Amino acid sequence: MSDIGTVFEEKVSSKSHEKVKKPPLYKVLLHNDDYTTMEFVVEILMHVFNKSPGSATRIMLDVHKKGIGVCGVYSYEIAETKVDRVHYLAREHGFPLRCSMERE
């Protein structure tokens, strides 16, 4: 009897030559108005954007003094969700608070 053995050897190349781009980030902005209370803006910043009371107060003062304040920088979907959440809560509480997003 003859021993006939076949040896199979496979090589798999897992090298990828494509560079993957990071998704663009978006700044979420709060806009000043004459009706929304400072306390409500601080609450929004703490609950929607997870800011500390001190950080929320600083951003609220930026909104009040400069007319606009940056709440955070997020991917598109997260930024969009946060903008929608702010608008929903503002309407629910009877405030005209505006929130927007712009590409960083």
N, C-alpha and C. Protein backbone atom coordinates (compact mmCIF):
# COMPACT_ATOMS: atom_id res chain seq x y z
N MET A 1 0.81 -1.17 0.00
CA MET A 1 0.00 0.00 0.00
C MET A 1 0.86 1.24 0.00
N SER A 2 0.35 2.21 -0.74
CA SER A 2 1.13 3.44 -0.78
C SER A 2 0.41 4.53 0.01
N ASP A 3 1.17 5.26 0.65
CA ASP A 3 0.65 6.39 1.43
C ASP A 3 0.61 7.61 0.52
N ILE A 4 -0.57 7.94 0.06
CA ILE A 4 -0.68 9.14 -0.77
C ILE A 4 -1.33 10.21 0.09
N GLY A 5 -0.63 11.21 0.37
CA GLY A 5 -1.15 12.30 1.20
C GLY A 5 -1.12 13.59 0.42
N THR A 6 -2.19 14.29 0.51
CA THR A 6 -2.25 15.57 -0.14
C THR A 6 -2.31 16.64 0.94
N VAL A 7 -1.42 17.57 0.83
CA VAL A 7 -1.38 18.65 1.81
C VAL A 7 -1.92 19.91 1.16
N PHE A 8 -2.93 20.46 1.79
CA PHE A 8 -3.50 21.72 1.30
C PHE A 8 -3.06 22.83 2.24
N GLU A 9 -2.62 23.88 1.65
CA GLU A 9 -2.21 25.02 2.45
C GLU A 9 -2.89 26.26 1.86
N GLU A 10 -3.60 26.95 2.71
CA GLU A 10 -4.28 28.16 2.28
C GLU A 10 -3.73 29.34 3.04
N LYS A 11 -3.63 30.43 2.34
CA LYS A 11 -3.22 31.67 2.98
C LYS A 11 -4.33 32.69 2.77
N VAL A 12 -4.68 33.35 3.84
CA VAL A 12 -5.71 34.38 3.78
C VAL A 12 -5.06 35.71 4.10
N SER A 13 -5.26 36.62 3.23
CA SER A 13 -4.72 37.96 3.45
C SER A 13 -5.83 38.83 4.01
N SER A 14 -5.61 39.41 5.15
CA SER A 14 -6.61 40.27 5.77
C SER A 14 -6.19 41.73 5.75
N LYS A 15 -5.21 42.01 4.96
CA LYS A 15 -4.76 43.39 4.87
C LYS A 15 -5.75 44.20 4.06
N SER A 16 -6.08 45.34 4.58
CA SER A 16 -6.98 46.24 3.88
C SER A 16 -6.21 47.51 3.56
N HIS A 17 -6.36 47.94 2.36
CA HIS A 17 -5.64 49.13 1.95
C HIS A 17 -6.52 50.37 1.94
N GLU A 18 -7.77 50.21 2.36
CA GLU A 18 -8.68 51.34 2.38
C GLU A 18 -8.54 52.09 3.69
N LYS A 19 -8.52 53.38 3.60
CA LYS A 19 -8.52 54.22 4.80
C LYS A 19 -9.97 54.53 5.13
N VAL A 20 -10.35 54.29 6.36
CA VAL A 20 -11.71 54.57 6.79
C VAL A 20 -11.72 55.96 7.43
N LYS A 21 -12.58 56.80 6.92
CA LYS A 21 -12.69 58.16 7.45
C LYS A 21 -13.59 58.15 8.67
N LYS A 22 -13.23 58.97 9.65
CA LYS A 22 -14.11 59.15 10.79
C LYS A 22 -15.31 59.96 10.34
N PRO A 23 -16.48 59.66 10.91
CA PRO A 23 -17.66 60.44 10.51
C PRO A 23 -17.51 61.89 11.00
N PRO A 24 -18.12 62.82 10.28
CA PRO A 24 -18.03 64.21 10.70
C PRO A 24 -18.77 64.42 12.01
N LEU A 25 -18.31 65.39 12.77
CA LEU A 25 -18.94 65.71 14.04
C LEU A 25 -19.73 67.01 13.91
N TYR A 26 -20.73 67.14 14.76
CA TYR A 26 -21.62 68.30 14.72
C TYR A 26 -21.73 68.94 16.10
N LYS A 27 -21.67 70.28 16.11
CA LYS A 27 -21.86 71.04 17.34
C LYS A 27 -23.35 71.25 17.53
N VAL A 28 -23.81 71.03 18.77
CA VAL A 28 -25.19 71.33 19.10
C VAL A 28 -25.20 72.69 19.80
N LEU A 29 -26.02 73.60 19.30
CA LEU A 29 -26.04 74.98 19.77
C LEU A 29 -27.39 75.34 20.36
N LEU A 30 -27.37 76.10 21.46
CA LEU A 30 -28.59 76.69 22.01
C LEU A 30 -28.59 78.16 21.66
N HIS A 31 -29.77 78.70 21.32
CA HIS A 31 -29.91 80.09 20.92
C HIS A 31 -30.69 80.87 21.98
N ASN A 32 -30.28 82.09 22.21
CA ASN A 32 -30.93 82.94 23.20
C ASN A 32 -32.29 83.41 22.70
N ASP A 33 -33.21 83.59 23.63
CA ASP A 33 -34.49 84.22 23.34
C ASP A 33 -34.90 85.02 24.58
N ASP A 34 -35.96 85.79 24.46
CA ASP A 34 -36.37 86.67 25.56
C ASP A 34 -37.35 86.02 26.53
N TYR A 35 -37.70 84.75 26.32
CA TYR A 35 -38.76 84.14 27.12
C TYR A 35 -38.32 82.92 27.93
N THR A 36 -37.40 82.14 27.42
CA THR A 36 -36.97 80.93 28.12
C THR A 36 -36.16 81.33 29.35
N THR A 37 -36.51 80.74 30.49
CA THR A 37 -35.82 81.10 31.74
C THR A 37 -34.42 80.47 31.79
N MET A 38 -33.55 81.15 32.51
CA MET A 38 -32.19 80.64 32.68
C MET A 38 -32.21 79.29 33.40
N GLU A 39 -33.12 79.15 34.34
CA GLU A 39 -33.23 77.90 35.10
C GLU A 39 -33.59 76.74 34.18
N PHE A 40 -34.51 76.98 33.24
CA PHE A 40 -34.91 75.92 32.32
C PHE A 40 -33.74 75.53 31.41
N VAL A 41 -32.98 76.51 30.95
CA VAL A 41 -31.81 76.22 30.10
C VAL A 41 -30.80 75.37 30.86
N VAL A 42 -30.56 75.70 32.14
CA VAL A 42 -29.64 74.90 32.96
C VAL A 42 -30.16 73.48 33.11
N GLU A 43 -31.45 73.32 33.33
CA GLU A 43 -32.05 71.99 33.46
C GLU A 43 -31.88 71.19 32.16
N ILE A 44 -32.11 71.83 31.04
CA ILE A 44 -31.94 71.16 29.74
C ILE A 44 -30.49 70.69 29.59
N LEU A 45 -29.56 71.56 29.90
CA LEU A 45 -28.14 71.22 29.76
C LEU A 45 -27.74 70.07 30.67
N MET A 46 -28.30 70.03 31.86
CA MET A 46 -27.95 68.94 32.79
C MET A 46 -28.60 67.63 32.37
N HIS A 47 -29.86 67.67 31.94
CA HIS A 47 -30.58 66.42 31.68
C HIS A 47 -30.42 65.89 30.26
N VAL A 48 -30.35 66.75 29.27
CA VAL A 48 -30.21 66.29 27.89
C VAL A 48 -28.74 66.09 27.54
N PHE A 49 -27.88 66.99 28.04
CA PHE A 49 -26.47 66.96 27.64
C PHE A 49 -25.54 66.45 28.75
N ASN A 50 -26.10 66.03 29.87
CA ASN A 50 -25.34 65.45 30.99
C ASN A 50 -24.23 66.38 31.50
N LYS A 51 -24.52 67.66 31.56
CA LYS A 51 -23.56 68.63 32.08
C LYS A 51 -23.69 68.74 33.59
N SER A 52 -22.58 69.06 34.23
CA SER A 52 -22.61 69.32 35.67
C SER A 52 -23.30 70.66 35.89
N PRO A 53 -23.78 70.93 37.10
CA PRO A 53 -24.43 72.23 37.35
C PRO A 53 -23.53 73.42 36.99
N GLY A 54 -22.25 73.33 37.32
CA GLY A 54 -21.33 74.42 37.01
C GLY A 54 -21.13 74.62 35.52
N SER A 55 -20.95 73.53 34.80
CA SER A 55 -20.77 73.59 33.35
C SER A 55 -22.06 74.07 32.67
N ALA A 56 -23.20 73.60 33.15
CA ALA A 56 -24.49 74.01 32.60
C ALA A 56 -24.70 75.51 32.80
N THR A 57 -24.32 76.01 33.95
CA THR A 57 -24.46 77.45 34.23
C THR A 57 -23.55 78.27 33.33
N ARG A 58 -22.34 77.79 33.11
CA ARG A 58 -21.40 78.51 32.23
C ARG A 58 -21.93 78.58 30.80
N ILE A 59 -22.45 77.46 30.29
CA ILE A 59 -23.00 77.44 28.93
C ILE A 59 -24.24 78.34 28.85
N MET A 60 -25.08 78.29 29.88
CA MET A 60 -26.28 79.13 29.91
C MET A 60 -25.90 80.61 29.86
N LEU A 61 -24.83 80.98 30.57
CA LEU A 61 -24.38 82.38 30.54
C LEU A 61 -23.83 82.75 29.17
N ASP A 62 -23.18 81.82 28.48
CA ASP A 62 -22.74 82.06 27.10
C ASP A 62 -23.95 82.34 26.21
N VAL A 63 -24.99 81.52 26.37
CA VAL A 63 -26.21 81.71 25.58
C VAL A 63 -26.80 83.08 25.88
N HIS A 64 -26.85 83.44 27.14
CA HIS A 64 -27.45 84.71 27.56
C HIS A 64 -26.65 85.91 27.08
N LYS A 65 -25.33 85.86 27.22
CA LYS A 65 -24.48 87.01 26.90
C LYS A 65 -24.09 87.09 25.43
N LYS A 66 -23.79 85.95 24.81
CA LYS A 66 -23.31 85.93 23.43
C LYS A 66 -24.40 85.62 22.41
N GLY A 67 -25.55 85.16 22.90
CA GLY A 67 -26.65 84.83 22.00
C GLY A 67 -26.67 83.39 21.54
N ILE A 68 -25.58 82.68 21.84
CA ILE A 68 -25.48 81.27 21.41
C ILE A 68 -24.49 80.56 22.33
N GLY A 69 -24.70 79.27 22.54
CA GLY A 69 -23.78 78.48 23.36
C GLY A 69 -23.66 77.07 22.82
N VAL A 70 -22.47 76.51 22.91
CA VAL A 70 -22.21 75.15 22.43
C VAL A 70 -22.49 74.17 23.56
N CYS A 71 -23.39 73.24 23.31
CA CYS A 71 -23.78 72.25 24.32
C CYS A 71 -22.90 71.01 24.26
N GLY A 72 -22.36 70.71 23.09
CA GLY A 72 -21.52 69.52 22.92
C GLY A 72 -21.28 69.25 21.46
N VAL A 73 -20.41 68.27 21.20
CA VAL A 73 -20.07 67.88 19.84
C VAL A 73 -20.32 66.37 19.72
N TYR A 74 -21.11 65.99 18.72
CA TYR A 74 -21.57 64.61 18.60
C TYR A 74 -21.59 64.17 17.13
N SER A 75 -21.79 62.88 16.92
CA SER A 75 -22.03 62.38 15.57
C SER A 75 -23.39 62.91 15.12
N TYR A 76 -23.66 62.84 13.82
CA TYR A 76 -24.87 63.43 13.25
C TYR A 76 -26.14 62.92 13.94
N GLU A 77 -26.27 61.61 14.08
CA GLU A 77 -27.50 61.03 14.62
C GLU A 77 -27.73 61.44 16.07
N ILE A 78 -26.66 61.45 16.86
CA ILE A 78 -26.80 61.83 18.27
C ILE A 78 -27.13 63.31 18.37
N ALA A 79 -26.46 64.15 17.59
CA ALA A 79 -26.74 65.59 17.60
C ALA A 79 -28.19 65.85 17.21
N GLU A 80 -28.66 65.18 16.19
CA GLU A 80 -30.04 65.35 15.73
C GLU A 80 -31.04 64.95 16.81
N THR A 81 -30.76 63.85 17.49
CA THR A 81 -31.63 63.38 18.57
C THR A 81 -31.67 64.39 19.71
N LYS A 82 -30.53 64.95 20.07
CA LYS A 82 -30.47 65.92 21.16
C LYS A 82 -31.22 67.21 20.79
N VAL A 83 -31.09 67.66 19.55
CA VAL A 83 -31.82 68.84 19.10
C VAL A 83 -33.32 68.59 19.19
N ASP A 84 -33.76 67.44 18.72
CA ASP A 84 -35.19 67.09 18.78
C ASP A 84 -35.68 67.01 20.22
N ARG A 85 -34.86 66.46 21.10
CA ARG A 85 -35.24 66.34 22.53
C ARG A 85 -35.39 67.72 23.17
N VAL A 86 -34.47 68.62 22.87
CA VAL A 86 -34.56 69.99 23.42
C VAL A 86 -35.84 70.66 22.93
N HIS A 87 -36.13 70.56 21.64
CA HIS A 87 -37.34 71.18 21.10
C HIS A 87 -38.60 70.59 21.72
N TYR A 88 -38.61 69.29 21.91
CA TYR A 88 -39.78 68.64 22.53
C TYR A 88 -39.99 69.14 23.95
N LEU A 89 -38.92 69.14 24.76
CA LEU A 89 -39.04 69.58 26.15
C LEU A 89 -39.41 71.06 26.25
N ALA A 90 -38.84 71.89 25.37
CA ALA A 90 -39.16 73.31 25.39
C ALA A 90 -40.64 73.53 25.08
N ARG A 91 -41.15 72.87 24.05
CA ARG A 91 -42.57 73.00 23.71
C ARG A 91 -43.45 72.50 24.85
N GLU A 92 -43.05 71.38 25.43
CA GLU A 92 -43.83 70.79 26.53
C GLU A 92 -43.95 71.76 27.72
N HIS A 93 -42.92 72.59 27.92
CA HIS A 93 -42.91 73.54 29.04
C HIS A 93 -43.29 74.96 28.61
N GLY A 94 -43.68 75.11 27.35
CA GLY A 94 -44.17 76.40 26.88
C GLY A 94 -43.09 77.42 26.57
N PHE A 95 -41.87 76.99 26.26
CA PHE A 95 -40.78 77.91 25.94
C PHE A 95 -40.44 77.82 24.44
N PRO A 96 -40.01 78.96 23.87
CA PRO A 96 -39.63 78.96 22.45
C PRO A 96 -38.15 78.66 22.23
N LEU A 97 -37.50 77.97 23.14
CA LEU A 97 -36.06 77.70 23.06
C LEU A 97 -35.70 77.03 21.75
N ARG A 98 -34.70 77.60 21.07
CA ARG A 98 -34.24 77.02 19.80
C ARG A 98 -32.90 76.35 19.99
N CYS A 99 -32.77 75.24 19.32
CA CYS A 99 -31.54 74.47 19.35
C CYS A 99 -31.21 74.08 17.91
N SER A 100 -29.95 74.12 17.55
CA SER A 100 -29.55 73.75 16.19
C SER A 100 -28.26 72.98 16.21
N MET A 101 -27.86 72.50 15.05
CA MET A 101 -26.59 71.81 14.95
C MET A 101 -25.87 72.29 13.69
N GLU A 102 -24.55 72.32 13.78
CA GLU A 102 -23.74 72.69 12.61
C GLU A 102 -22.50 71.83 12.59
N ARG A 103 -22.05 71.56 11.39
CA ARG A 103 -20.86 70.73 11.24
C ARG A 103 -19.65 71.42 11.85
N GLU A 104 -18.87 70.64 12.56
CA GLU A 104 -17.69 71.20 13.23
C GLU A 104 -16.59 71.46 12.24
